[in-house]
Amino acid sequence: MNVQIRQGTAADLPAVHKLVGELAAYVHATPQFTATQENYRADFADGFFHIIVAEDMATRQVIGMCLYNFVYSTWKGRMIYLEDFVLQPAYRRQGIGQRLWDVLKERGRERGCKLLKWQIVDSNTEAMKFYAAQDAVIEDNWYNGKLTL
């Protein structure tokens, strides 16, 4: 299978939005997925987030992605934050997710990041297995906070 991993462009945003919708359905959170494709277009154009995509070259379809941004850790300095990491089920266990992950880490290193952080919903056991295989530290002593603005 010929899959290209590349930096995403605005043309990829509809496919990325669809993948995020699939993730929201998988974790039973579809009602909370309210960002529109127009939100994606405006925020991507504004540089608010970046994407890395996996494209099946035979079909020219985006079949996976990492959506990330750069933030600052007062304890570590520059940090890359992975917001979503999605790979269509038919493409899993073929090394594509690992390739996406490796490019994401490289993007962080290129920008001088000291830390890569993300969240995992506790029901996503497949993601938990993947991150465990990456020697990731899954924290259980920090709680997530959020406030709708």
N, C-alpha and C. Protein backbone atom coordinates (compact mmCIF):
# COMPACT_ATOMS: atom_id res chain seq x y z
N MET A 1 0.84 -1.18 0.00
CA MET A 1 0.00 0.00 0.00
C MET A 1 0.88 1.24 0.00
N ASN A 2 0.59 2.16 -0.88
CA ASN A 2 1.36 3.38 -1.01
C ASN A 2 0.63 4.51 -0.28
N VAL A 3 1.13 4.88 0.90
CA VAL A 3 0.55 5.94 1.69
C VAL A 3 1.61 7.00 1.91
N GLN A 4 1.28 8.23 1.58
CA GLN A 4 2.19 9.36 1.77
C GLN A 4 1.80 10.10 3.05
N ILE A 5 2.80 10.42 3.87
CA ILE A 5 2.61 11.25 5.05
C ILE A 5 3.15 12.63 4.68
N ARG A 6 2.32 13.64 4.85
CA ARG A 6 2.73 14.99 4.45
C ARG A 6 2.05 16.03 5.33
N GLN A 7 2.59 17.24 5.28
CA GLN A 7 1.96 18.35 5.97
C GLN A 7 0.64 18.65 5.27
N GLY A 8 -0.40 18.83 6.04
CA GLY A 8 -1.72 19.08 5.46
C GLY A 8 -1.87 20.50 4.95
N THR A 9 -2.82 20.66 4.05
CA THR A 9 -3.13 21.97 3.47
C THR A 9 -4.62 22.26 3.67
N ALA A 10 -5.03 23.45 3.29
CA ALA A 10 -6.44 23.82 3.40
C ALA A 10 -7.33 22.88 2.59
N ALA A 11 -6.81 22.34 1.50
CA ALA A 11 -7.60 21.41 0.68
C ALA A 11 -7.93 20.12 1.44
N ASP A 12 -7.17 19.81 2.47
CA ASP A 12 -7.39 18.59 3.25
C ASP A 12 -8.43 18.77 4.35
N LEU A 13 -8.85 19.98 4.62
CA LEU A 13 -9.70 20.24 5.77
C LEU A 13 -11.05 19.51 5.75
N PRO A 14 -11.74 19.38 4.62
CA PRO A 14 -12.98 18.60 4.64
C PRO A 14 -12.75 17.15 5.08
N ALA A 15 -11.68 16.54 4.61
CA ALA A 15 -11.38 15.16 5.00
C ALA A 15 -11.00 15.09 6.48
N VAL A 16 -10.26 16.07 6.96
CA VAL A 16 -9.88 16.11 8.37
C VAL A 16 -11.13 16.26 9.24
N HIS A 17 -12.02 17.15 8.85
CA HIS A 17 -13.27 17.36 9.58
C HIS A 17 -14.07 16.05 9.64
N LYS A 18 -14.11 15.33 8.55
CA LYS A 18 -14.83 14.05 8.49
C LYS A 18 -14.19 13.04 9.44
N LEU A 19 -12.87 12.97 9.45
CA LEU A 19 -12.17 12.05 10.35
C LEU A 19 -12.45 12.39 11.82
N VAL A 20 -12.48 13.67 12.15
CA VAL A 20 -12.77 14.06 13.53
C VAL A 20 -14.20 13.67 13.88
N GLY A 21 -15.11 13.82 12.93
CA GLY A 21 -16.48 13.38 13.16
C GLY A 21 -16.56 11.88 13.42
N GLU A 22 -15.77 11.11 12.70
CA GLU A 22 -15.72 9.66 12.92
C GLU A 22 -15.17 9.34 14.31
N LEU A 23 -14.15 10.09 14.74
CA LEU A 23 -13.60 9.89 16.08
C LEU A 23 -14.65 10.24 17.14
N ALA A 24 -15.35 11.34 16.95
CA ALA A 24 -16.39 11.74 17.91
C ALA A 24 -17.45 10.65 18.03
N ALA A 25 -17.84 10.07 16.92
CA ALA A 25 -18.83 8.98 16.95
C ALA A 25 -18.26 7.76 17.68
N TYR A 26 -16.99 7.45 17.43
CA TYR A 26 -16.35 6.28 18.04
C TYR A 26 -16.32 6.39 19.57
N VAL A 27 -16.10 7.59 20.08
CA VAL A 27 -16.02 7.77 21.53
C VAL A 27 -17.36 8.27 22.10
N HIS A 28 -18.41 8.15 21.32
CA HIS A 28 -19.77 8.50 21.75
C HIS A 28 -19.88 9.95 22.20
N ALA A 29 -19.29 10.85 21.40
CA ALA A 29 -19.30 12.27 21.75
C ALA A 29 -19.77 13.14 20.58
N THR A 30 -20.56 12.59 19.68
CA THR A 30 -21.00 13.34 18.51
C THR A 30 -21.67 14.67 18.87
N PRO A 31 -22.52 14.73 19.91
CA PRO A 31 -23.15 16.03 20.22
C PRO A 31 -22.15 17.12 20.61
N GLN A 32 -21.00 16.73 21.12
CA GLN A 32 -20.00 17.73 21.52
C GLN A 32 -19.15 18.21 20.34
N PHE A 33 -19.24 17.53 19.21
CA PHE A 33 -18.47 17.92 18.02
C PHE A 33 -19.25 19.00 17.28
N THR A 34 -18.97 20.25 17.59
CA THR A 34 -19.73 21.36 17.03
C THR A 34 -18.93 22.24 16.07
N ALA A 35 -17.63 22.05 15.98
CA ALA A 35 -16.82 22.86 15.05
C ALA A 35 -17.21 22.51 13.62
N THR A 36 -17.42 23.53 12.82
CA THR A 36 -17.84 23.34 11.43
C THR A 36 -16.63 23.35 10.50
N GLN A 37 -16.86 22.96 9.27
CA GLN A 37 -15.79 23.05 8.28
C GLN A 37 -15.36 24.50 8.10
N GLU A 38 -16.29 25.42 8.20
CA GLU A 38 -15.94 26.84 8.09
C GLU A 38 -15.04 27.26 9.26
N ASN A 39 -15.33 26.76 10.47
CA ASN A 39 -14.44 27.03 11.61
C ASN A 39 -13.04 26.52 11.29
N TYR A 40 -12.97 25.31 10.77
CA TYR A 40 -11.68 24.72 10.43
C TYR A 40 -10.94 25.59 9.42
N ARG A 41 -11.65 26.00 8.35
CA ARG A 41 -11.01 26.81 7.31
C ARG A 41 -10.47 28.12 7.88
N ALA A 42 -11.29 28.82 8.65
CA ALA A 42 -10.88 30.12 9.20
C ALA A 42 -9.72 29.96 10.17
N ASP A 43 -9.79 28.97 11.04
CA ASP A 43 -8.75 28.80 12.05
C ASP A 43 -7.45 28.27 11.46
N PHE A 44 -7.55 27.44 10.44
CA PHE A 44 -6.35 26.96 9.76
C PHE A 44 -5.67 28.14 9.04
N ALA A 45 -6.47 28.95 8.35
CA ALA A 45 -5.92 30.12 7.64
C ALA A 45 -5.27 31.09 8.62
N ASP A 46 -5.78 31.14 9.84
CA ASP A 46 -5.25 32.03 10.86
C ASP A 46 -4.02 31.43 11.57
N GLY A 47 -3.63 30.20 11.19
CA GLY A 47 -2.47 29.57 11.79
C GLY A 47 -2.72 29.02 13.18
N PHE A 48 -4.00 28.85 13.54
CA PHE A 48 -4.34 28.41 14.89
C PHE A 48 -4.01 26.94 15.13
N PHE A 49 -3.97 26.14 14.08
CA PHE A 49 -3.59 24.74 14.20
C PHE A 49 -2.93 24.28 12.90
N HIS A 50 -2.29 23.12 12.99
CA HIS A 50 -1.59 22.51 11.87
C HIS A 50 -2.07 21.07 11.75
N ILE A 51 -1.85 20.48 10.58
CA ILE A 51 -2.23 19.08 10.39
C ILE A 51 -1.14 18.34 9.62
N ILE A 52 -1.02 17.08 9.96
CA ILE A 52 -0.22 16.14 9.19
C ILE A 52 -1.21 15.11 8.69
N VAL A 53 -1.16 14.77 7.42
CA VAL A 53 -2.12 13.82 6.88
C VAL A 53 -1.43 12.60 6.30
N ALA A 54 -2.18 11.50 6.31
CA ALA A 54 -1.78 10.27 5.62
C ALA A 54 -2.72 10.14 4.43
N GLU A 55 -2.16 10.08 3.25
CA GLU A 55 -2.96 10.01 2.02
C GLU A 55 -2.69 8.70 1.30
N ASP A 56 -3.75 7.97 1.01
CA ASP A 56 -3.65 6.75 0.21
C ASP A 56 -3.46 7.21 -1.23
N MET A 57 -2.32 6.95 -1.80
CA MET A 57 -1.99 7.46 -3.13
C MET A 57 -2.80 6.78 -4.24
N ALA A 58 -3.29 5.58 -3.98
CA ALA A 58 -4.10 4.88 -4.99
C ALA A 58 -5.46 5.55 -5.14
N THR A 59 -6.03 6.00 -4.04
CA THR A 59 -7.37 6.60 -4.08
C THR A 59 -7.33 8.11 -3.95
N ARG A 60 -6.17 8.66 -3.59
CA ARG A 60 -5.99 10.10 -3.35
C ARG A 60 -6.89 10.59 -2.22
N GLN A 61 -7.15 9.71 -1.25
CA GLN A 61 -7.99 10.03 -0.10
C GLN A 61 -7.14 10.19 1.16
N VAL A 62 -7.49 11.17 1.97
CA VAL A 62 -6.87 11.33 3.28
C VAL A 62 -7.49 10.28 4.19
N ILE A 63 -6.65 9.40 4.73
CA ILE A 63 -7.14 8.28 5.52
C ILE A 63 -6.71 8.37 6.99
N GLY A 64 -5.95 9.40 7.33
CA GLY A 64 -5.51 9.59 8.70
C GLY A 64 -4.93 10.97 8.88
N MET A 65 -4.83 11.40 10.13
CA MET A 65 -4.28 12.73 10.38
C MET A 65 -3.93 12.91 11.84
N CYS A 66 -3.04 13.88 12.07
CA CYS A 66 -2.73 14.43 13.38
C CYS A 66 -3.03 15.92 13.29
N LEU A 67 -3.84 16.42 14.20
CA LEU A 67 -4.11 17.85 14.27
C LEU A 67 -3.43 18.35 15.54
N TYR A 68 -2.60 19.36 15.41
CA TYR A 68 -1.77 19.80 16.54
C TYR A 68 -1.58 21.31 16.52
N ASN A 69 -1.08 21.82 17.65
CA ASN A 69 -0.69 23.22 17.73
C ASN A 69 0.49 23.34 18.69
N PHE A 70 1.06 24.49 18.72
CA PHE A 70 2.19 24.76 19.60
C PHE A 70 1.72 25.61 20.76
N VAL A 71 2.14 25.23 21.96
CA VAL A 71 1.77 25.95 23.18
C VAL A 71 3.03 26.08 24.04
N TYR A 72 2.86 26.70 25.17
CA TYR A 72 4.00 26.91 26.04
C TYR A 72 3.76 26.28 27.41
N SER A 73 4.72 25.51 27.86
CA SER A 73 4.70 24.93 29.20
C SER A 73 5.59 25.78 30.09
N THR A 74 5.03 26.29 31.16
CA THR A 74 5.85 27.10 32.07
C THR A 74 6.91 26.26 32.76
N TRP A 75 6.74 24.95 32.77
CA TRP A 75 7.71 24.07 33.41
C TRP A 75 8.77 23.57 32.44
N LYS A 76 8.42 23.40 31.17
CA LYS A 76 9.34 22.79 30.21
C LYS A 76 9.74 23.71 29.05
N GLY A 77 8.93 24.73 28.78
CA GLY A 77 9.19 25.58 27.62
C GLY A 77 8.27 25.21 26.47
N ARG A 78 8.80 25.25 25.28
CA ARG A 78 7.99 24.97 24.09
C ARG A 78 7.43 23.55 24.12
N MET A 79 6.17 23.46 23.69
CA MET A 79 5.48 22.18 23.71
C MET A 79 4.62 22.05 22.47
N ILE A 80 4.50 20.85 21.96
CA ILE A 80 3.58 20.55 20.87
C ILE A 80 2.41 19.79 21.49
N TYR A 81 1.20 20.21 21.15
CA TYR A 81 0.00 19.59 21.71
C TYR A 81 -0.77 18.90 20.60
N LEU A 82 -0.95 17.61 20.76
CA LEU A 82 -1.72 16.80 19.81
C LEU A 82 -3.18 16.86 20.21
N GLU A 83 -4.00 17.46 19.39
CA GLU A 83 -5.43 17.57 19.69
C GLU A 83 -6.17 16.32 19.25
N ASP A 84 -5.92 15.85 18.04
CA ASP A 84 -6.57 14.63 17.56
C ASP A 84 -5.63 13.86 16.66
N PHE A 85 -5.74 12.54 16.76
CA PHE A 85 -4.93 11.60 15.99
C PHE A 85 -5.90 10.52 15.53
N VAL A 86 -6.18 10.48 14.24
CA VAL A 86 -7.20 9.56 13.72
C VAL A 86 -6.65 8.82 12.50
N LEU A 87 -6.91 7.54 12.46
CA LEU A 87 -6.57 6.71 11.31
C LEU A 87 -7.77 5.81 11.05
N GLN A 88 -8.26 5.81 9.82
CA GLN A 88 -9.41 4.96 9.50
C GLN A 88 -9.10 3.51 9.84
N PRO A 89 -10.08 2.79 10.38
CA PRO A 89 -9.85 1.41 10.84
C PRO A 89 -9.23 0.48 9.79
N ALA A 90 -9.59 0.61 8.55
CA ALA A 90 -9.07 -0.29 7.51
C ALA A 90 -7.56 -0.12 7.30
N TYR A 91 -6.99 0.97 7.78
CA TYR A 91 -5.57 1.26 7.57
C TYR A 91 -4.73 1.03 8.83
N ARG A 92 -5.35 0.57 9.88
CA ARG A 92 -4.62 0.36 11.13
C ARG A 92 -3.79 -0.92 11.06
N ARG A 93 -2.79 -0.99 11.94
CA ARG A 93 -1.88 -2.13 12.07
C ARG A 93 -1.06 -2.39 10.80
N GLN A 94 -0.75 -1.29 10.10
CA GLN A 94 0.09 -1.37 8.91
C GLN A 94 1.28 -0.43 9.00
N GLY A 95 1.48 0.16 10.18
CA GLY A 95 2.60 1.07 10.37
C GLY A 95 2.32 2.51 10.00
N ILE A 96 1.12 2.81 9.50
CA ILE A 96 0.80 4.17 9.07
C ILE A 96 0.67 5.09 10.28
N GLY A 97 0.01 4.62 11.33
CA GLY A 97 -0.11 5.42 12.55
C GLY A 97 1.25 5.75 13.13
N GLN A 98 2.15 4.79 13.09
CA GLN A 98 3.51 5.03 13.59
C GLN A 98 4.21 6.08 12.75
N ARG A 99 4.01 6.04 11.46
CA ARG A 99 4.62 7.05 10.59
C ARG A 99 4.07 8.44 10.89
N LEU A 100 2.76 8.55 11.09
CA LEU A 100 2.16 9.83 11.46
C LEU A 100 2.75 10.33 12.78
N TRP A 101 2.83 9.43 13.75
CA TRP A 101 3.37 9.76 15.07
C TRP A 101 4.80 10.26 14.96
N ASP A 102 5.61 9.58 14.18
CA ASP A 102 7.01 9.96 14.03
C ASP A 102 7.16 11.34 13.39
N VAL A 103 6.32 11.64 12.40
CA VAL A 103 6.38 12.97 11.77
C VAL A 103 5.93 14.03 12.76
N LEU A 104 4.91 13.74 13.56
CA LEU A 104 4.47 14.68 14.58
C LEU A 104 5.61 15.00 15.55
N LYS A 105 6.31 13.97 16.02
CA LYS A 105 7.44 14.22 16.93
C LYS A 105 8.50 15.06 16.24
N GLU A 106 8.74 14.79 14.97
CA GLU A 106 9.74 15.56 14.23
C GLU A 106 9.34 17.03 14.12
N ARG A 107 8.05 17.30 13.89
CA ARG A 107 7.58 18.69 13.83
C ARG A 107 7.88 19.39 15.16
N GLY A 108 7.65 18.71 16.26
CA GLY A 108 7.95 19.30 17.56
C GLY A 108 9.43 19.57 17.72
N ARG A 109 10.26 18.61 17.34
CA ARG A 109 11.71 18.80 17.44
C ARG A 109 12.18 19.96 16.58
N GLU A 110 11.61 20.07 15.36
CA GLU A 110 11.99 21.17 14.45
C GLU A 110 11.74 22.54 15.08
N ARG A 111 10.72 22.63 15.92
CA ARG A 111 10.37 23.90 16.56
C ARG A 111 10.98 24.04 17.95
N GLY A 112 11.84 23.11 18.34
CA GLY A 112 12.51 23.20 19.62
C GLY A 112 11.64 22.82 20.81
N CYS A 113 10.60 22.03 20.57
CA CYS A 113 9.71 21.63 21.66
C CYS A 113 10.40 20.61 22.57
N LYS A 114 10.11 20.73 23.85
CA LYS A 114 10.66 19.83 24.85
C LYS A 114 9.67 18.75 25.25
N LEU A 115 8.41 18.91 24.87
CA LEU A 115 7.36 18.04 25.35
C LEU A 115 6.27 17.89 24.30
N LEU A 116 5.73 16.69 24.19
CA LEU A 116 4.55 16.40 23.38
C LEU A 116 3.48 15.94 24.35
N LYS A 117 2.33 16.60 24.33
CA LYS A 117 1.24 16.23 25.23
C LYS A 117 -0.04 16.01 24.45
N TRP A 118 -0.94 15.23 25.04
CA TRP A 118 -2.24 14.94 24.44
C TRP A 118 -3.15 14.39 25.52
N GLN A 119 -4.41 14.21 25.16
CA GLN A 119 -5.39 13.58 26.05
C GLN A 119 -5.91 12.32 25.37
N ILE A 120 -6.39 11.39 26.18
CA ILE A 120 -7.00 10.17 25.66
C ILE A 120 -8.27 9.95 26.46
N VAL A 121 -9.35 9.68 25.76
CA VAL A 121 -10.57 9.32 26.47
C VAL A 121 -10.40 7.88 26.97
N ASP A 122 -10.81 7.62 28.19
CA ASP A 122 -10.51 6.32 28.80
C ASP A 122 -11.17 5.13 28.11
N SER A 123 -12.17 5.36 27.29
CA SER A 123 -12.81 4.25 26.57
C SER A 123 -12.07 3.86 25.30
N ASN A 124 -11.08 4.65 24.88
CA ASN A 124 -10.35 4.36 23.64
C ASN A 124 -9.16 3.45 23.95
N THR A 125 -9.45 2.19 24.15
CA THR A 125 -8.42 1.23 24.54
C THR A 125 -7.38 1.01 23.44
N GLU A 126 -7.77 1.12 22.19
CA GLU A 126 -6.80 0.97 21.10
C GLU A 126 -5.76 2.08 21.15
N ALA A 127 -6.20 3.30 21.40
CA ALA A 127 -5.25 4.41 21.53
C ALA A 127 -4.34 4.20 22.73
N MET A 128 -4.91 3.72 23.82
CA MET A 128 -4.10 3.46 25.02
C MET A 128 -2.98 2.46 24.71
N LYS A 129 -3.31 1.42 23.96
CA LYS A 129 -2.30 0.42 23.59
C LYS A 129 -1.20 1.05 22.71
N PHE A 130 -1.63 1.88 21.76
CA PHE A 130 -0.65 2.52 20.87
C PHE A 130 0.30 3.39 21.68
N TYR A 131 -0.23 4.24 22.56
CA TYR A 131 0.62 5.13 23.34
C TYR A 131 1.52 4.36 24.30
N ALA A 132 1.02 3.28 24.85
CA ALA A 132 1.86 2.45 25.72
C ALA A 132 3.05 1.90 24.94
N ALA A 133 2.81 1.52 23.68
CA ALA A 133 3.90 1.00 22.84
C ALA A 133 4.92 2.09 22.50
N GLN A 134 4.55 3.35 22.68
CA GLN A 134 5.46 4.47 22.41
C GLN A 134 6.25 4.86 23.65
N ASP A 135 6.11 4.10 24.72
CA ASP A 135 6.74 4.41 26.01
C ASP A 135 6.25 5.75 26.57
N ALA A 136 4.99 6.08 26.27
CA ALA A 136 4.41 7.33 26.77
C ALA A 136 4.07 7.20 28.25
N VAL A 137 4.14 8.31 28.93
CA VAL A 137 3.71 8.38 30.32
C VAL A 137 2.24 8.82 30.31
N ILE A 138 1.37 7.98 30.82
CA ILE A 138 -0.04 8.34 30.93
C ILE A 138 -0.25 8.78 32.38
N GLU A 139 -0.47 10.07 32.55
CA GLU A 139 -0.57 10.65 33.89
C GLU A 139 -1.91 10.32 34.53
N ASP A 140 -1.89 10.04 35.80
CA ASP A 140 -3.14 9.83 36.51
C ASP A 140 -3.27 10.76 37.72
N ASN A 141 -2.34 11.70 37.81
CA ASN A 141 -2.37 12.62 38.94
C ASN A 141 -2.72 14.05 38.54
N TRP A 142 -3.03 14.28 37.26
CA TRP A 142 -3.44 15.60 36.79
C TRP A 142 -4.86 15.46 36.24
N TYR A 143 -5.69 16.39 36.57
CA TYR A 143 -7.07 16.38 36.08
C TYR A 143 -7.25 17.42 35.00
N ASN A 144 -8.06 17.09 34.01
CA ASN A 144 -8.35 18.03 32.95
C ASN A 144 -9.40 19.01 33.44
N GLY A 145 -9.24 20.25 33.08
CA GLY A 145 -10.24 21.27 33.39
C GLY A 145 -10.71 21.90 32.09
N LYS A 146 -11.94 22.35 32.07
CA LYS A 146 -12.42 23.07 30.91
C LYS A 146 -13.56 24.00 31.31
N LEU A 147 -13.72 25.05 30.55
CA LEU A 147 -14.76 26.03 30.79
C LEU A 147 -15.24 26.51 29.43
N THR A 148 -16.50 26.39 29.16
CA THR A 148 -17.04 26.85 27.89
C THR A 148 -17.12 28.37 27.91
N LEU A 149 -16.56 28.99 26.87
CA LEU A 149 -16.55 30.47 26.80
C LEU A 149 -17.68 30.97 25.91
